[in-house]
């Protein structure tokens, strides 16, 4: 129950036009799949980290971008950071994450659950160093170096999911009622409305 269900065949290349079921997408016929599903060059070059306000860019390699992952219980991302860029606090609800730094240096922070007293764990990770983030724990990365940084991460799910904490709280659709956030965050309504204005529309 802790990972994606086990596959029942060697390969099940996703038919992305099919309906998603419990164990993934339906399979393409073997003859139609060829062998290209085993390989991907998508992560060769990352995207522009300045294309969003966070100063980071995620190149996803989940089942929707790499159909050969269907039913295999794995996926990966490449994340590129501009100097000062961040991958904001977020959670992967369906996967543990393991990663390796390719270049640069990132402050990596992990926040434990209430069981740990919300303990904050952090380390500056550099090229060649690895890290692991347990499933469901909030975490972030922040480029503390003067040069661009790149990491590659893998997940034990073909679709790990992501919950960005700021966007979820202040940019949900429909919005979380302001009185709820006022009470939960112990700030006045003006602060909540200001934060909502920053995340409306997913920006």
C-alpha atoms as a PDB file:
ATOM      1  CA  UNK A   1       0.000   0.000   0.000  1.00  0.00           C
ATOM      2  CA  UNK A   2       3.037   2.300   0.229  1.00  0.00           C
ATOM      3  CA  UNK A   3       3.905   2.452  -3.486  1.00  0.00           C
ATOM      4  CA  UNK A   4       2.280   2.156  -6.880  1.00  0.00           C
ATOM      5  CA  UNK A   5       0.817  -1.322  -7.582  1.00  0.00           C
ATOM      6  CA  UNK A   6       3.207  -3.890  -9.050  1.00  0.00           C
ATOM      7  CA  UNK A   7       3.163  -4.277 -12.847  1.00  0.00           C
ATOM      8  CA  UNK A   8       1.744  -7.479 -14.315  1.00  0.00           C
ATOM      9  CA  UNK A   9       3.796  -7.485 -17.524  1.00  0.00           C
ATOM     10  CA  UNK A  10       7.270  -6.462 -18.748  1.00  0.00           C
ATOM     11  CA  UNK A  11       6.089  -3.212 -20.311  1.00  0.00           C
ATOM     12  CA  UNK A  12       2.806  -1.366 -20.571  1.00  0.00           C
ATOM     13  CA  UNK A  13       3.461   1.729 -22.669  1.00  0.00           C
ATOM     14  CA  UNK A  14       0.738   4.195 -21.783  1.00  0.00           C
ATOM     15  CA  UNK A  15      -2.038   4.950 -24.222  1.00  0.00           C
ATOM     16  CA  UNK A  16      -2.481   8.533 -23.005  1.00  0.00           C
ATOM     17  CA  UNK A  17      -5.746   8.835 -24.908  1.00  0.00           C
ATOM     18  CA  UNK A  18      -7.191   6.064 -22.748  1.00  0.00           C
ATOM     19  CA  UNK A  19      -8.903   6.454 -19.420  1.00  0.00           C
ATOM     20  CA  UNK A  20      -6.665   6.442 -16.334  1.00  0.00           C
ATOM     21  CA  UNK A  21      -7.366   3.449 -14.096  1.00  0.00           C
ATOM     22  CA  UNK A  22      -6.126   2.293 -10.696  1.00  0.00           C
ATOM     23  CA  UNK A  23      -2.777   0.970 -11.973  1.00  0.00           C
ATOM     24  CA  UNK A  24      -2.183   3.602 -14.655  1.00  0.00           C
ATOM     25  CA  UNK A  25      -3.188   4.086 -18.254  1.00  0.00           C
ATOM     26  CA  UNK A  26      -4.251   1.254 -20.566  1.00  0.00           C
ATOM     27  CA  UNK A  27      -1.446  -0.348 -22.599  1.00  0.00           C
ATOM     28  CA  UNK A  28      -0.656   0.350 -26.225  1.00  0.00           C
ATOM     29  CA  UNK A  29      -0.463  -2.790 -28.383  1.00  0.00           C
ATOM     30  CA  UNK A  30       3.095  -4.136 -28.247  1.00  0.00           C
ATOM     31  CA  UNK A  31       3.595  -3.720 -32.000  1.00  0.00           C
ATOM     32  CA  UNK A  32       2.665  -0.034 -31.793  1.00  0.00           C
ATOM     33  CA  UNK A  33       4.987   0.714 -28.890  1.00  0.00           C
ATOM     34  CA  UNK A  34       8.282  -0.031 -30.669  1.00  0.00           C
ATOM     35  CA  UNK A  35      11.310   0.390 -28.399  1.00  0.00           C
ATOM     36  CA  UNK A  36      11.558   4.182 -28.082  1.00  0.00           C
ATOM     37  CA  UNK A  37       9.541   4.082 -24.873  1.00  0.00           C
ATOM     38  CA  UNK A  38      12.650   2.784 -23.094  1.00  0.00           C
ATOM     39  CA  UNK A  39      14.624   5.963 -23.786  1.00  0.00           C
ATOM     40  CA  UNK A  40      14.099   9.703 -23.367  1.00  0.00           C
ATOM     41  CA  UNK A  41      16.228  12.759 -24.087  1.00  0.00           C
ATOM     42  CA  UNK A  42      13.753  15.133 -22.451  1.00  0.00           C
ATOM     43  CA  UNK A  43      16.033  15.896 -19.486  1.00  0.00           C
ATOM     44  CA  UNK A  44      19.108  16.585 -21.634  1.00  0.00           C
ATOM     45  CA  UNK A  45      18.437  20.303 -21.524  1.00  0.00           C
ATOM     46  CA  UNK A  46      16.488  22.012 -18.801  1.00  0.00           C
ATOM     47  CA  UNK A  47      14.069  24.853 -19.273  1.00  0.00           C
ATOM     48  CA  UNK A  48      14.523  28.540 -18.554  1.00  0.00           C
ATOM     49  CA  UNK A  49      14.559  29.075 -14.768  1.00  0.00           C
ATOM     50  CA  UNK A  50      13.695  32.748 -15.288  1.00  0.00           C
ATOM     51  CA  UNK A  51      10.409  31.864 -16.984  1.00  0.00           C
ATOM     52  CA  UNK A  52       8.560  31.986 -13.657  1.00  0.00           C
ATOM     53  CA  UNK A  53       8.759  34.192 -10.546  1.00  0.00           C
ATOM     54  CA  UNK A  54      10.423  31.426  -8.493  1.00  0.00           C
ATOM     55  CA  UNK A  55      13.584  31.401 -10.595  1.00  0.00           C
ATOM     56  CA  UNK A  56      13.395  27.640 -11.155  1.00  0.00           C
ATOM     57  CA  UNK A  57      12.223  25.325 -13.908  1.00  0.00           C
ATOM     58  CA  UNK A  58      11.061  21.722 -13.570  1.00  0.00           C
ATOM     59  CA  UNK A  59      11.452  19.351 -16.527  1.00  0.00           C
ATOM     60  CA  UNK A  60       9.023  16.562 -15.669  1.00  0.00           C
ATOM     61  CA  UNK A  61       9.459  12.940 -16.659  1.00  0.00           C
ATOM     62  CA  UNK A  62       6.337  11.372 -15.221  1.00  0.00           C
ATOM     63  CA  UNK A  63       4.050   8.972 -17.078  1.00  0.00           C
ATOM     64  CA  UNK A  64       2.384  11.831 -18.956  1.00  0.00           C
ATOM     65  CA  UNK A  65       5.718  12.925 -20.453  1.00  0.00           C
ATOM     66  CA  UNK A  66       7.286   9.459 -20.757  1.00  0.00           C
ATOM     67  CA  UNK A  67       4.536   6.873 -21.412  1.00  0.00           C
ATOM     68  CA  UNK A  68       6.991   3.987 -21.028  1.00  0.00           C
ATOM     69  CA  UNK A  69       6.886   4.536 -17.256  1.00  0.00           C
ATOM     70  CA  UNK A  70       3.287   3.360 -17.102  1.00  0.00           C
ATOM     71  CA  UNK A  71       2.783   0.782 -14.286  1.00  0.00           C
ATOM     72  CA  UNK A  72       6.511   0.747 -13.387  1.00  0.00           C
ATOM     73  CA  UNK A  73       6.163   2.856 -10.238  1.00  0.00           C
ATOM     74  CA  UNK A  74       8.975   5.316 -11.044  1.00  0.00           C
ATOM     75  CA  UNK A  75       9.455   8.796 -12.500  1.00  0.00           C
ATOM     76  CA  UNK A  76      11.986  11.615 -12.379  1.00  0.00           C
ATOM     77  CA  UNK A  77      12.444  15.368 -12.762  1.00  0.00           C
ATOM     78  CA  UNK A  78      15.262  17.689 -13.694  1.00  0.00           C
ATOM     79  CA  UNK A  79      15.139  21.023 -11.863  1.00  0.00           C
ATOM     80  CA  UNK A  80      17.202  24.039 -12.944  1.00  0.00           C
ATOM     81  CA  UNK A  81      17.714  27.078 -10.719  1.00  0.00           C
ATOM     82  CA  UNK A  82      18.875  30.605 -11.419  1.00  0.00           C
ATOM     83  CA  UNK A  83      21.016  32.210  -8.708  1.00  0.00           C
ATOM     84  CA  UNK A  84      18.622  32.985  -5.875  1.00  0.00           C
ATOM     85  CA  UNK A  85      15.952  30.748  -7.406  1.00  0.00           C
ATOM     86  CA  UNK A  86      13.761  28.488  -5.322  1.00  0.00           C
ATOM     87  CA  UNK A  87      11.555  25.449  -5.648  1.00  0.00           C
ATOM     88  CA  UNK A  88       8.978  26.651  -3.082  1.00  0.00           C
ATOM     89  CA  UNK A  89       7.789  24.568  -0.118  1.00  0.00           C
ATOM     90  CA  UNK A  90       5.851  21.620  -1.495  1.00  0.00           C
ATOM     91  CA  UNK A  91       4.760  18.044  -0.843  1.00  0.00           C
ATOM     92  CA  UNK A  92       4.654  14.922  -3.021  1.00  0.00           C
ATOM     93  CA  UNK A  93       1.630  13.047  -1.669  1.00  0.00           C
ATOM     94  CA  UNK A  94       2.317   9.793  -3.506  1.00  0.00           C
ATOM     95  CA  UNK A  95       6.099   9.331  -3.491  1.00  0.00           C
ATOM     96  CA  UNK A  96       9.419   9.347  -1.697  1.00  0.00           C
ATOM     97  CA  UNK A  97      11.998  11.459  -3.545  1.00  0.00           C
ATOM     98  CA  UNK A  98      15.705  10.752  -3.987  1.00  0.00           C
ATOM     99  CA  UNK A  99      18.010  13.137  -5.794  1.00  0.00           C
ATOM    100  CA  UNK A 100      21.511  13.993  -6.891  1.00  0.00           C
ATOM    101  CA  UNK A 101      23.043  17.413  -7.403  1.00  0.00           C
ATOM    102  CA  UNK A 102      24.508  17.880 -10.866  1.00  0.00           C
ATOM    103  CA  UNK A 103      25.964  21.386 -10.466  1.00  0.00           C
ATOM    104  CA  UNK A 104      25.848  24.340  -8.127  1.00  0.00           C
ATOM    105  CA  UNK A 105      24.766  24.394  -4.505  1.00  0.00           C
ATOM    106  CA  UNK A 106      21.286  24.326  -3.029  1.00  0.00           C
ATOM    107  CA  UNK A 107      19.972  24.777   0.468  1.00  0.00           C
ATOM    108  CA  UNK A 108      17.646  21.818   0.857  1.00  0.00           C
ATOM    109  CA  UNK A 109      15.117  21.982   3.672  1.00  0.00           C
ATOM    110  CA  UNK A 110      12.784  19.241   4.920  1.00  0.00           C
ATOM    111  CA  UNK A 111      10.115  19.813   7.561  1.00  0.00           C
ATOM    112  CA  UNK A 112       8.992  16.848   9.628  1.00  0.00           C
ATOM    113  CA  UNK A 113       5.394  16.214  10.619  1.00  0.00           C
ATOM    114  CA  UNK A 114       3.814  17.101  13.937  1.00  0.00           C
ATOM    115  CA  UNK A 115       5.087  13.713  15.175  1.00  0.00           C
ATOM    116  CA  UNK A 116       8.637  15.141  15.031  1.00  0.00           C
ATOM    117  CA  UNK A 117       7.615  18.493  16.476  1.00  0.00           C
ATOM    118  CA  UNK A 118       7.715  19.980  12.963  1.00  0.00           C
ATOM    119  CA  UNK A 119      11.483  19.633  13.034  1.00  0.00           C
ATOM    120  CA  UNK A 120      13.365  21.440  10.281  1.00  0.00           C
ATOM    121  CA  UNK A 121      16.248  19.533   8.659  1.00  0.00           C
ATOM    122  CA  UNK A 122      18.543  21.348   6.234  1.00  0.00           C
ATOM    123  CA  UNK A 123      21.845  21.061   4.409  1.00  0.00           C
ATOM    124  CA  UNK A 124      23.609  22.816   1.563  1.00  0.00           C
ATOM    125  CA  UNK A 125      24.052  20.110  -1.075  1.00  0.00           C
ATOM    126  CA  UNK A 126      26.656  20.400  -3.822  1.00  0.00           C
ATOM    127  CA  UNK A 127      27.516  18.628  -7.074  1.00  0.00           C
ATOM    128  CA  UNK A 128      27.697  14.858  -6.630  1.00  0.00           C
ATOM    129  CA  UNK A 129      25.883  14.824  -3.282  1.00  0.00           C
ATOM    130  CA  UNK A 130      22.599  12.998  -2.801  1.00  0.00           C
ATOM    131  CA  UNK A 131      19.519  13.407  -0.637  1.00  0.00           C
ATOM    132  CA  UNK A 132      16.252  11.691   0.182  1.00  0.00           C
ATOM    133  CA  UNK A 133      12.877  13.201   1.092  1.00  0.00           C
ATOM    134  CA  UNK A 134      10.332  10.893   2.727  1.00  0.00           C
ATOM    135  CA  UNK A 135       6.902  10.687   1.170  1.00  0.00           C
ATOM    136  CA  UNK A 136       4.503  13.453   2.141  1.00  0.00           C
ATOM    137  CA  UNK A 137       6.999  15.682   3.983  1.00  0.00           C
ATOM    138  CA  UNK A 138       7.151  19.365   3.103  1.00  0.00           C
ATOM    139  CA  UNK A 139      10.446  20.424   1.521  1.00  0.00           C
ATOM    140  CA  UNK A 140      12.090  23.094  -0.613  1.00  0.00           C
ATOM    141  CA  UNK A 141      15.295  23.935  -2.448  1.00  0.00           C
ATOM    142  CA  UNK A 142      16.962  27.358  -2.677  1.00  0.00           C
ATOM    143  CA  UNK A 143      19.986  28.262  -4.775  1.00  0.00           C
ATOM    144  CA  UNK A 144      22.453  29.797  -2.318  1.00  0.00           C
ATOM    145  CA  UNK A 145      25.289  29.913  -4.852  1.00  0.00           C
ATOM    146  CA  UNK A 146      26.303  32.607  -7.329  1.00  0.00           C
ATOM    147  CA  UNK A 147      25.934  30.275 -10.331  1.00  0.00           C
ATOM    148  CA  UNK A 148      23.015  28.302 -11.805  1.00  0.00           C
ATOM    149  CA  UNK A 149      22.244  24.979 -10.136  1.00  0.00           C
ATOM    150  CA  UNK A 150      20.770  21.712 -11.402  1.00  0.00           C
ATOM    151  CA  UNK A 151      19.480  18.603  -9.655  1.00  0.00           C
ATOM    152  CA  UNK A 152      17.899  15.380 -10.888  1.00  0.00           C
ATOM    153  CA  UNK A 153      15.369  13.637  -8.671  1.00  0.00           C
ATOM    154  CA  UNK A 154      13.536  10.315  -8.870  1.00  0.00           C
ATOM    155  CA  UNK A 155      10.276   9.139  -7.332  1.00  0.00           C
ATOM    156  CA  UNK A 156       8.816   5.749  -6.471  1.00  0.00           C
ATOM    157  CA  UNK A 157       5.623   6.593  -8.333  1.00  0.00           C
ATOM    158  CA  UNK A 158       4.846   7.138 -12.000  1.00  0.00           C
ATOM    159  CA  UNK A 159       2.776  10.144 -10.910  1.00  0.00           C
ATOM    160  CA  UNK A 160       4.061  11.491  -7.564  1.00  0.00           C
ATOM    161  CA  UNK A 161       1.820  14.556  -7.503  1.00  0.00           C
ATOM    162  CA  UNK A 162       2.762  17.926  -6.095  1.00  0.00           C
ATOM    163  CA  UNK A 163       1.147  20.293  -3.616  1.00  0.00           C
ATOM    164  CA  UNK A 164       2.779  23.736  -3.582  1.00  0.00           C
ATOM    165  CA  UNK A 165       2.048  25.098  -0.114  1.00  0.00           C
ATOM    166  CA  UNK A 166       1.752  28.857  -0.929  1.00  0.00           C
ATOM    167  CA  UNK A 167      -0.254  28.231  -4.104  1.00  0.00           C
ATOM    168  CA  UNK A 168      -2.529  25.739  -2.368  1.00  0.00           C
ATOM    169  CA  UNK A 169      -3.299  28.072   0.531  1.00  0.00           C
ATOM    170  CA  UNK A 170      -3.690  31.306  -1.423  1.00  0.00           C
ATOM    171  CA  UNK A 171      -4.496  30.280  -4.986  1.00  0.00           C
ATOM    172  CA  UNK A 172      -6.982  27.428  -4.603  1.00  0.00           C
ATOM    173  CA  UNK A 173     -10.075  27.317  -6.807  1.00  0.00           C
ATOM    174  CA  UNK A 174     -12.499  28.205  -5.374  1.00  0.00           C
ATOM    175  CA  UNK A 175     -10.574  30.179  -2.749  1.00  0.00           C
ATOM    176  CA  UNK A 176     -10.282  29.056   0.863  1.00  0.00           C
ATOM    177  CA  UNK A 177     -12.528  31.459   2.825  1.00  0.00           C
ATOM    178  CA  UNK A 178     -10.532  34.383   4.186  1.00  0.00           C
ATOM    179  CA  UNK A 179     -11.827  33.949   7.787  1.00  0.00           C
ATOM    180  CA  UNK A 180     -10.422  30.403   7.816  1.00  0.00           C
ATOM    181  CA  UNK A 181      -6.947  31.649   6.805  1.00  0.00           C
ATOM    182  CA  UNK A 182      -7.153  34.608   9.195  1.00  0.00           C
ATOM    183  CA  UNK A 183      -7.774  32.213  12.081  1.00  0.00           C
ATOM    184  CA  UNK A 184      -5.263  29.588  10.957  1.00  0.00           C
ATOM    185  CA  UNK A 185      -2.418  32.004  10.199  1.00  0.00           C
ATOM    186  CA  UNK A 186      -3.194  34.467  13.027  1.00  0.00           C
ATOM    187  CA  UNK A 187      -2.996  37.508  10.775  1.00  0.00           C
ATOM    188  CA  UNK A 188      -5.569  40.084   9.734  1.00  0.00           C
ATOM    189  CA  UNK A 189      -7.741  39.854   6.638  1.00  0.00           C
ATOM    190  CA  UNK A 190      -5.684  42.444   4.755  1.00  0.00           C
ATOM    191  CA  UNK A 191      -2.599  40.210   4.861  1.00  0.00           C
ATOM    192  CA  UNK A 192      -4.597  37.212   3.634  1.00  0.00           C
ATOM    193  CA  UNK A 193      -6.139  39.211   0.777  1.00  0.00           C
ATOM    194  CA  UNK A 194      -2.708  40.526  -0.228  1.00  0.00           C
ATOM    195  CA  UNK A 195      -1.305  36.998  -0.343  1.00  0.00           C
ATOM    196  CA  UNK A 196      -4.317  35.759  -2.310  1.00  0.00           C
ATOM    197  CA  UNK A 197      -3.744  38.513  -4.878  1.00  0.00           C
ATOM    198  CA  UNK A 198      -0.199  37.219  -5.438  1.00  0.00           C
ATOM    199  CA  UNK A 199      -1.344  33.684  -6.280  1.00  0.00           C
ATOM    200  CA  UNK A 200      -4.647  34.200  -8.101  1.00  0.00           C
ATOM    201  CA  UNK A 201      -4.563  32.429 -11.433  1.00  0.00           C
ATOM    202  CA  UNK A 202      -1.635  30.219 -10.385  1.00  0.00           C
ATOM    203  CA  UNK A 203       1.064  32.930 -10.712  1.00  0.00           C
END
